[in-house]
Protein backbone atom coordinates (compact mmCIF):
# COMPACT_ATOMS: atom_id res chain seq x y z
CA MET A 1 0.00 0.00 0.00
CA ALA A 2 1.41 3.38 -0.96
CA ASP A 3 1.65 6.12 1.62
CA GLU A 4 -1.02 8.71 1.13
CA PRO A 5 0.23 12.27 0.97
CA ALA A 6 -0.47 14.34 4.06
CA ILE A 7 -3.20 16.90 3.63
CA ALA A 8 -1.69 20.30 4.25
CA GLU A 9 -3.52 22.53 6.70
CA PRO A 10 -4.43 25.85 5.08
CA ASP A 11 -2.39 28.83 6.20
CA SER A 12 -5.29 31.28 5.87
CA LEU A 13 -9.08 31.54 5.69
CA GLU A 14 -11.28 33.94 3.78
CA PHE A 15 -13.24 36.54 5.79
CA TRP A 16 -15.33 39.52 4.78
CA VAL A 17 -13.62 42.68 6.04
CA THR A 18 -14.12 46.39 5.43
CA GLU A 19 -12.46 47.76 2.33
CA ASP A 20 -10.29 50.40 4.01
CA GLU A 21 -9.07 48.01 6.70
CA GLU A 22 -5.95 47.28 4.69
CA ALA A 23 -4.87 50.92 4.89
CA ASP A 24 -5.77 51.20 8.58
CA GLY A 25 -3.91 48.05 9.57
CA ASP A 26 -5.84 46.21 12.27
CA THR A 27 -9.22 47.91 12.62
CA MET A 28 -12.68 46.37 12.91
CA GLY A 29 -13.12 43.24 10.92
CA VAL A 30 -16.39 41.92 9.65
CA PHE A 31 -18.53 44.82 8.45
CA GLY A 32 -17.85 48.43 9.34
CA ARG A 33 -20.54 51.03 8.92
CA ASP A 34 -20.72 52.70 5.48
CA ARG A 35 -17.74 50.80 4.12
CA GLU A 36 -17.49 48.37 1.27
CA ALA A 37 -17.01 44.76 2.39
CA VAL A 38 -14.35 42.75 0.55
CA LEU A 39 -13.22 39.15 0.82
CA ARG A 40 -9.67 38.82 2.16
CA ARG A 41 -7.48 35.95 3.33
CA VAL A 42 -6.72 36.07 7.07
CA PRO A 43 -3.54 34.32 8.32
CA LEU A 44 -4.43 31.33 10.50
CA GLY A 45 -1.33 31.59 12.68
CA ALA A 46 -2.29 35.03 14.01
CA LEU A 47 -5.98 34.13 14.20
CA ARG A 48 -5.22 30.89 16.10
CA LYS A 49 -2.96 32.72 18.58
CA ASN A 50 -5.46 35.53 19.20
CA LEU A 51 -8.47 33.22 19.51
CA THR A 52 -6.59 30.90 21.87
CA GLU A 53 -5.55 33.78 24.14
CA THR A 54 -9.06 35.24 24.12
CA VAL A 55 -10.84 31.94 24.82
CA ASP A 56 -8.33 30.97 27.55
CA ALA A 57 -8.85 34.29 29.35
CA LEU A 58 -12.63 34.08 29.03
CA GLN A 59 -12.77 30.48 30.23
CA ALA A 60 -10.79 31.40 33.37
CA LEU A 61 -13.15 34.32 33.99
CA PHE A 62 -16.29 32.23 33.47
CA GLU A 63 -14.91 29.48 35.71
CA GLN A 64 -14.52 31.99 38.53
CA ILE A 65 -18.06 33.25 37.99
CA ALA A 66 -19.51 29.70 37.84
CA GLU A 67 -17.73 28.73 41.10
CA ARG A 68 -19.65 31.44 42.94
CA GLY A 69 -22.86 29.45 42.51
CA GLY A 70 -25.81 31.16 44.14
CA PRO A 71 -29.46 31.25 43.15
CA MET A 72 -28.66 32.18 39.53
CA PRO A 73 -25.77 29.94 38.44
CA LEU A 74 -24.01 30.53 35.14
CA LYS A 75 -25.26 27.94 32.64
CA GLU A 76 -24.32 29.38 29.27
CA VAL A 77 -22.33 32.25 27.79
CA GLN A 78 -22.73 33.63 24.28
CA LEU A 79 -20.05 35.88 22.84
CA SER A 80 -19.70 37.54 19.48
CA PHE A 81 -16.40 38.62 18.01
CA GLN A 82 -15.00 40.08 14.83
CA VAL A 83 -11.88 39.10 12.94
CA SER A 84 -9.59 41.67 11.32
CA ALA A 85 -7.71 41.14 8.07
CA SER A 86 -4.50 40.59 10.05
CA GLY A 87 -6.06 37.91 12.31
CA GLY A 88 -6.93 40.17 15.23
CA VAL A 89 -9.95 39.37 17.40
CA GLN A 90 -12.30 41.99 18.85
CA LEU A 91 -15.16 41.02 21.17
CA ILE A 92 -18.48 42.74 20.53
CA GLY A 93 -19.43 44.23 23.88
CA SER A 94 -23.13 44.94 23.49
CA SER A 95 -26.09 44.99 21.19
CA GLN A 96 -25.59 48.74 20.88
CA VAL A 97 -23.05 48.16 18.12
CA GLN A 98 -25.37 48.93 15.22
CA GLY A 99 -24.87 47.37 11.80
CA THR A 100 -22.10 45.06 12.99
CA ARG A 101 -21.97 41.35 12.34
CA GLY A 102 -19.74 38.91 14.09
CA ILE A 103 -19.10 35.27 14.82
CA THR A 104 -20.83 33.89 17.91
CA PHE A 105 -19.33 31.33 20.30
CA VAL A 106 -21.64 29.57 22.75
CA PHE A 107 -19.94 28.17 25.85
CA GLY A 108 -21.88 25.76 28.03
CA HIS A 109 -21.46 22.72 30.22
């Protein structure tokens, strides 16, 4: 039997970002207000690093909150974030961010 070639992991993923993000560097990612959205490749190395750091910090925070218990225990957390063209991650803090789309993670146990 011949060895099958290893499937290479992609080094980037396509994301919709605002058109002028490239000039700005690392600004908001998915859809900025009144800007043209364009499809760009985002480097996975930077995205992986930033997502890992963000999720690790949030998991530690949520663990501390869940340990408190009480009459209203934490059962689920939903977070939305945006990805910049350079692989940056920005959490969306509230529903007051008008016209913004993001990716939602749902953490539960």
